[in-house]
Amino acid sequence: MEKKAFCLLVIFALFVHLARAQDQKVADSLFKIYQEHKLKDTAELELLRNLSFNELKDLNLSLKFADELISRARKVGNIKYLHIGYYQKGNKK
């Protein structure tokens, strides 16, 4: 099941990358994957990045995802996603 969730995440990430626009439907779909708590490492960081970017209905929820991304990226020492987390947080404020 984790492989299926990861594949869905990659597809959504590609869609977001190609569309270059925020989309609440994408956030809603990704939230279902988030609730499963099955992704690890970079896949989890990418999921949080996409959730923070695409969440449009709830600013606090978007900021929560950005904060979680920052926390987890710092924990594993991933500078790229640490930067992205702060970037997403700054864009939402």
N, C-alpha and C. Protein backbone atom coordinates (compact mmCIF):
# COMPACT_ATOMS: atom_id res chain seq x y z
N MET A 1 0.82 -1.19 0.00
CA MET A 1 0.00 0.00 0.00
C MET A 1 0.87 1.26 0.00
N GLU A 2 2.02 1.21 0.68
CA GLU A 2 2.90 2.37 0.72
C GLU A 2 3.38 2.73 -0.68
N LYS A 3 3.66 1.72 -1.49
CA LYS A 3 4.12 1.98 -2.85
C LYS A 3 3.02 2.66 -3.66
N LYS A 4 1.78 2.24 -3.46
CA LYS A 4 0.65 2.85 -4.17
C LYS A 4 0.52 4.32 -3.75
N ALA A 5 0.62 4.58 -2.45
CA ALA A 5 0.51 5.95 -1.96
C ALA A 5 1.64 6.81 -2.51
N PHE A 6 2.83 6.26 -2.56
CA PHE A 6 3.97 7.00 -3.10
C PHE A 6 3.76 7.31 -4.58
N CYS A 7 3.26 6.35 -5.32
CA CYS A 7 2.99 6.57 -6.75
C CYS A 7 1.94 7.67 -6.94
N LEU A 8 0.91 7.65 -6.12
CA LEU A 8 -0.10 8.71 -6.19
C LEU A 8 0.52 10.06 -5.87
N LEU A 9 1.39 10.09 -4.88
CA LEU A 9 2.06 11.33 -4.52
C LEU A 9 2.90 11.86 -5.68
N VAL A 10 3.62 10.98 -6.32
CA VAL A 10 4.45 11.39 -7.46
C VAL A 10 3.59 11.93 -8.59
N ILE A 11 2.48 11.27 -8.85
CA ILE A 11 1.57 11.73 -9.90
C ILE A 11 1.01 13.11 -9.57
N PHE A 12 0.59 13.30 -8.31
CA PHE A 12 0.08 14.61 -7.91
C PHE A 12 1.17 15.67 -7.97
N ALA A 13 2.37 15.31 -7.55
CA ALA A 13 3.47 16.27 -7.59
C ALA A 13 3.77 16.68 -9.04
N LEU A 14 3.73 15.72 -9.93
CA LEU A 14 3.95 16.02 -11.34
C LEU A 14 2.84 16.92 -11.87
N PHE A 15 1.62 16.61 -11.51
CA PHE A 15 0.49 17.43 -11.93
C PHE A 15 0.65 18.86 -11.42
N VAL A 16 1.01 19.00 -10.16
CA VAL A 16 1.20 20.33 -9.58
C VAL A 16 2.33 21.05 -10.28
N HIS A 17 3.40 20.34 -10.55
CA HIS A 17 4.55 20.95 -11.22
C HIS A 17 4.16 21.44 -12.61
N LEU A 18 3.42 20.63 -13.33
CA LEU A 18 3.03 21.01 -14.68
C LEU A 18 1.99 22.13 -14.67
N ALA A 19 1.09 22.08 -13.74
CA ALA A 19 0.03 23.08 -13.69
C ALA A 19 0.52 24.39 -13.08
N ARG A 20 1.47 24.31 -12.18
CA ARG A 20 2.03 25.49 -11.52
C ARG A 20 0.96 26.39 -10.91
N ALA A 21 -0.09 25.78 -10.42
CA ALA A 21 -1.15 26.54 -9.78
C ALA A 21 -1.64 25.77 -8.56
N GLN A 22 -2.10 26.50 -7.58
CA GLN A 22 -2.64 25.87 -6.40
C GLN A 22 -3.98 25.24 -6.75
N ASP A 23 -4.29 24.14 -6.10
CA ASP A 23 -5.52 23.43 -6.41
C ASP A 23 -6.02 22.73 -5.15
N GLN A 24 -7.17 23.16 -4.67
CA GLN A 24 -7.72 22.59 -3.45
C GLN A 24 -8.06 21.12 -3.63
N LYS A 25 -8.49 20.73 -4.82
CA LYS A 25 -8.80 19.31 -5.07
C LYS A 25 -7.56 18.44 -4.88
N VAL A 26 -6.41 18.95 -5.30
CA VAL A 26 -5.16 18.21 -5.10
C VAL A 26 -4.87 18.10 -3.61
N ALA A 27 -5.04 19.20 -2.89
CA ALA A 27 -4.80 19.18 -1.44
C ALA A 27 -5.72 18.18 -0.75
N ASP A 28 -6.98 18.15 -1.15
CA ASP A 28 -7.93 17.21 -0.54
C ASP A 28 -7.52 15.76 -0.79
N SER A 29 -7.07 15.47 -1.99
CA SER A 29 -6.63 14.11 -2.32
C SER A 29 -5.36 13.74 -1.56
N LEU A 30 -4.44 14.68 -1.49
CA LEU A 30 -3.19 14.42 -0.78
C LEU A 30 -3.42 14.26 0.71
N PHE A 31 -4.41 14.95 1.25
CA PHE A 31 -4.71 14.84 2.67
C PHE A 31 -5.08 13.42 3.05
N LYS A 32 -5.74 12.71 2.14
CA LYS A 32 -6.09 11.30 2.40
C LYS A 32 -4.82 10.47 2.56
N ILE A 33 -3.82 10.73 1.74
CA ILE A 33 -2.54 10.03 1.86
C ILE A 33 -1.86 10.42 3.16
N TYR A 34 -1.91 11.69 3.50
CA TYR A 34 -1.31 12.19 4.74
C TYR A 34 -1.90 11.47 5.95
N GLN A 35 -3.19 11.25 5.97
CA GLN A 35 -3.87 10.62 7.10
C GLN A 35 -3.46 9.16 7.29
N GLU A 36 -2.95 8.53 6.26
CA GLU A 36 -2.52 7.13 6.36
C GLU A 36 -1.20 6.98 7.12
N HIS A 37 -0.40 8.04 7.19
CA HIS A 37 0.89 8.04 7.90
C HIS A 37 1.82 6.91 7.44
N LYS A 38 1.84 6.64 6.16
CA LYS A 38 2.66 5.53 5.65
C LYS A 38 3.91 5.99 4.92
N LEU A 39 3.98 7.25 4.54
CA LEU A 39 5.14 7.72 3.80
C LEU A 39 6.27 8.07 4.75
N LYS A 40 7.49 7.90 4.27
CA LYS A 40 8.69 8.18 5.07
C LYS A 40 9.67 8.98 4.24
N ASP A 41 10.61 9.55 4.93
CA ASP A 41 11.76 10.23 4.32
C ASP A 41 11.32 11.31 3.33
N THR A 42 11.93 11.33 2.16
CA THR A 42 11.70 12.39 1.18
C THR A 42 10.25 12.39 0.67
N ALA A 43 9.64 11.23 0.58
CA ALA A 43 8.25 11.17 0.12
C ALA A 43 7.33 11.90 1.10
N GLU A 44 7.60 11.77 2.37
CA GLU A 44 6.80 12.47 3.38
C GLU A 44 7.02 13.98 3.29
N LEU A 45 8.27 14.39 3.10
CA LEU A 45 8.58 15.81 2.97
C LEU A 45 7.91 16.40 1.73
N GLU A 46 7.93 15.67 0.65
CA GLU A 46 7.29 16.13 -0.60
C GLU A 46 5.78 16.24 -0.42
N LEU A 47 5.20 15.29 0.30
CA LEU A 47 3.77 15.34 0.58
C LEU A 47 3.43 16.60 1.37
N LEU A 48 4.20 16.90 2.41
CA LEU A 48 3.95 18.09 3.21
C LEU A 48 4.11 19.37 2.38
N ARG A 49 5.10 19.38 1.51
CA ARG A 49 5.31 20.52 0.63
C ARG A 49 4.07 20.76 -0.25
N ASN A 50 3.58 19.70 -0.85
CA ASN A 50 2.42 19.81 -1.72
C ASN A 50 1.15 20.18 -0.95
N LEU A 51 1.01 19.65 0.25
CA LEU A 51 -0.15 20.01 1.06
C LEU A 51 -0.12 21.49 1.42
N SER A 52 1.02 21.97 1.85
CA SER A 52 1.14 23.38 2.22
C SER A 52 0.88 24.29 1.01
N PHE A 53 1.39 23.91 -0.12
CA PHE A 53 1.24 24.72 -1.34
C PHE A 53 -0.21 24.77 -1.81
N ASN A 54 -0.88 23.63 -1.81
CA ASN A 54 -2.20 23.53 -2.43
C ASN A 54 -3.38 23.83 -1.52
N GLU A 55 -3.16 23.84 -0.22
CA GLU A 55 -4.27 24.12 0.70
C GLU A 55 -4.72 25.57 0.55
N LEU A 56 -5.95 25.77 0.11
CA LEU A 56 -6.49 27.11 -0.13
C LEU A 56 -7.60 27.49 0.84
N LYS A 57 -8.36 26.52 1.32
CA LYS A 57 -9.52 26.81 2.16
C LYS A 57 -9.14 27.25 3.57
N ASP A 58 -8.04 26.72 4.08
CA ASP A 58 -7.71 26.92 5.49
C ASP A 58 -6.26 27.37 5.63
N LEU A 59 -6.06 28.67 5.83
CA LEU A 59 -4.71 29.22 5.97
C LEU A 59 -3.96 28.58 7.12
N ASN A 60 -4.63 28.37 8.26
CA ASN A 60 -3.97 27.77 9.42
C ASN A 60 -3.51 26.35 9.12
N LEU A 61 -4.29 25.61 8.37
CA LEU A 61 -3.90 24.25 8.01
C LEU A 61 -2.69 24.27 7.08
N SER A 62 -2.68 25.19 6.13
CA SER A 62 -1.53 25.33 5.24
C SER A 62 -0.27 25.67 6.03
N LEU A 63 -0.40 26.57 6.99
CA LEU A 63 0.74 26.92 7.84
C LEU A 63 1.17 25.75 8.72
N LYS A 64 0.20 24.95 9.15
CA LYS A 64 0.52 23.76 9.95
C LYS A 64 1.38 22.79 9.13
N PHE A 65 1.01 22.58 7.87
CA PHE A 65 1.80 21.70 7.01
C PHE A 65 3.20 22.27 6.77
N ALA A 66 3.29 23.57 6.58
CA ALA A 66 4.60 24.21 6.40
C ALA A 66 5.46 24.04 7.65
N ASP A 67 4.85 24.24 8.82
CA ASP A 67 5.59 24.07 10.08
C ASP A 67 6.04 22.62 10.27
N GLU A 68 5.16 21.69 9.92
CA GLU A 68 5.53 20.28 10.03
C GLU A 68 6.66 19.94 9.06
N LEU A 69 6.60 20.50 7.87
CA LEU A 69 7.67 20.30 6.89
C LEU A 69 8.99 20.84 7.45
N ILE A 70 8.97 22.03 8.01
CA ILE A 70 10.18 22.62 8.59
C ILE A 70 10.72 21.74 9.70
N SER A 71 9.86 21.29 10.58
CA SER A 71 10.28 20.46 11.71
C SER A 71 10.90 19.14 11.26
N ARG A 72 10.24 18.47 10.34
CA ARG A 72 10.74 17.17 9.88
C ARG A 72 12.00 17.31 9.04
N ALA A 73 12.07 18.36 8.22
CA ALA A 73 13.27 18.59 7.41
C ALA A 73 14.46 18.89 8.31
N ARG A 74 14.23 19.68 9.36
CA ARG A 74 15.30 19.99 10.30
C ARG A 74 15.77 18.70 11.02
N LYS A 75 14.82 17.87 11.38
CA LYS A 75 15.12 16.63 12.10
C LYS A 75 16.03 15.70 11.30
N VAL A 76 15.80 15.63 9.98
CA VAL A 76 16.61 14.74 9.13
C VAL A 76 17.76 15.47 8.44
N GLY A 77 17.85 16.78 8.66
CA GLY A 77 18.95 17.55 8.08
C GLY A 77 18.82 17.79 6.59
N ASN A 78 17.59 17.90 6.11
CA ASN A 78 17.36 18.13 4.68
C ASN A 78 17.20 19.62 4.44
N ILE A 79 18.27 20.26 4.00
CA ILE A 79 18.29 21.71 3.80
C ILE A 79 17.31 22.15 2.72
N LYS A 80 17.20 21.36 1.66
CA LYS A 80 16.29 21.71 0.56
C LYS A 80 14.86 21.87 1.07
N TYR A 81 14.37 20.88 1.79
CA TYR A 81 12.99 20.94 2.26
C TYR A 81 12.83 21.90 3.43
N LEU A 82 13.87 22.16 4.17
CA LEU A 82 13.83 23.18 5.21
C LEU A 82 13.58 24.54 4.55
N HIS A 83 14.32 24.80 3.49
CA HIS A 83 14.14 26.05 2.74
C HIS A 83 12.72 26.13 2.16
N ILE A 84 12.26 25.05 1.57
CA ILE A 84 10.92 25.03 0.97
C ILE A 84 9.86 25.28 2.04
N GLY A 85 10.04 24.70 3.21
CA GLY A 85 9.07 24.90 4.29
C GLY A 85 8.97 26.36 4.69
N TYR A 86 10.12 27.01 4.86
CA TYR A 86 10.10 28.43 5.20
C TYR A 86 9.53 29.26 4.05
N TYR A 87 9.83 28.89 2.83
CA TYR A 87 9.32 29.59 1.66
C TYR A 87 7.79 29.49 1.61
N GLN A 88 7.27 28.28 1.82
CA GLN A 88 5.81 28.09 1.80
C GLN A 88 5.16 28.89 2.93
N LYS A 89 5.78 28.86 4.09
CA LYS A 89 5.23 29.59 5.23
C LYS A 89 5.20 31.09 4.93
N GLY A 90 6.28 31.61 4.36
CA GLY A 90 6.33 33.03 4.01
C GLY A 90 5.32 33.42 2.95
N ASN A 91 5.07 32.54 2.01
CA ASN A 91 4.10 32.83 0.95
C ASN A 91 2.66 32.85 1.45
N LYS A 92 2.41 32.14 2.52
CA LYS A 92 1.04 32.05 3.05
C LYS A 92 0.70 33.22 3.95
N LYS A 93 1.70 33.88 4.49
CA LYS A 93 1.43 34.97 5.44
C LYS A 93 1.22 36.27 4.74
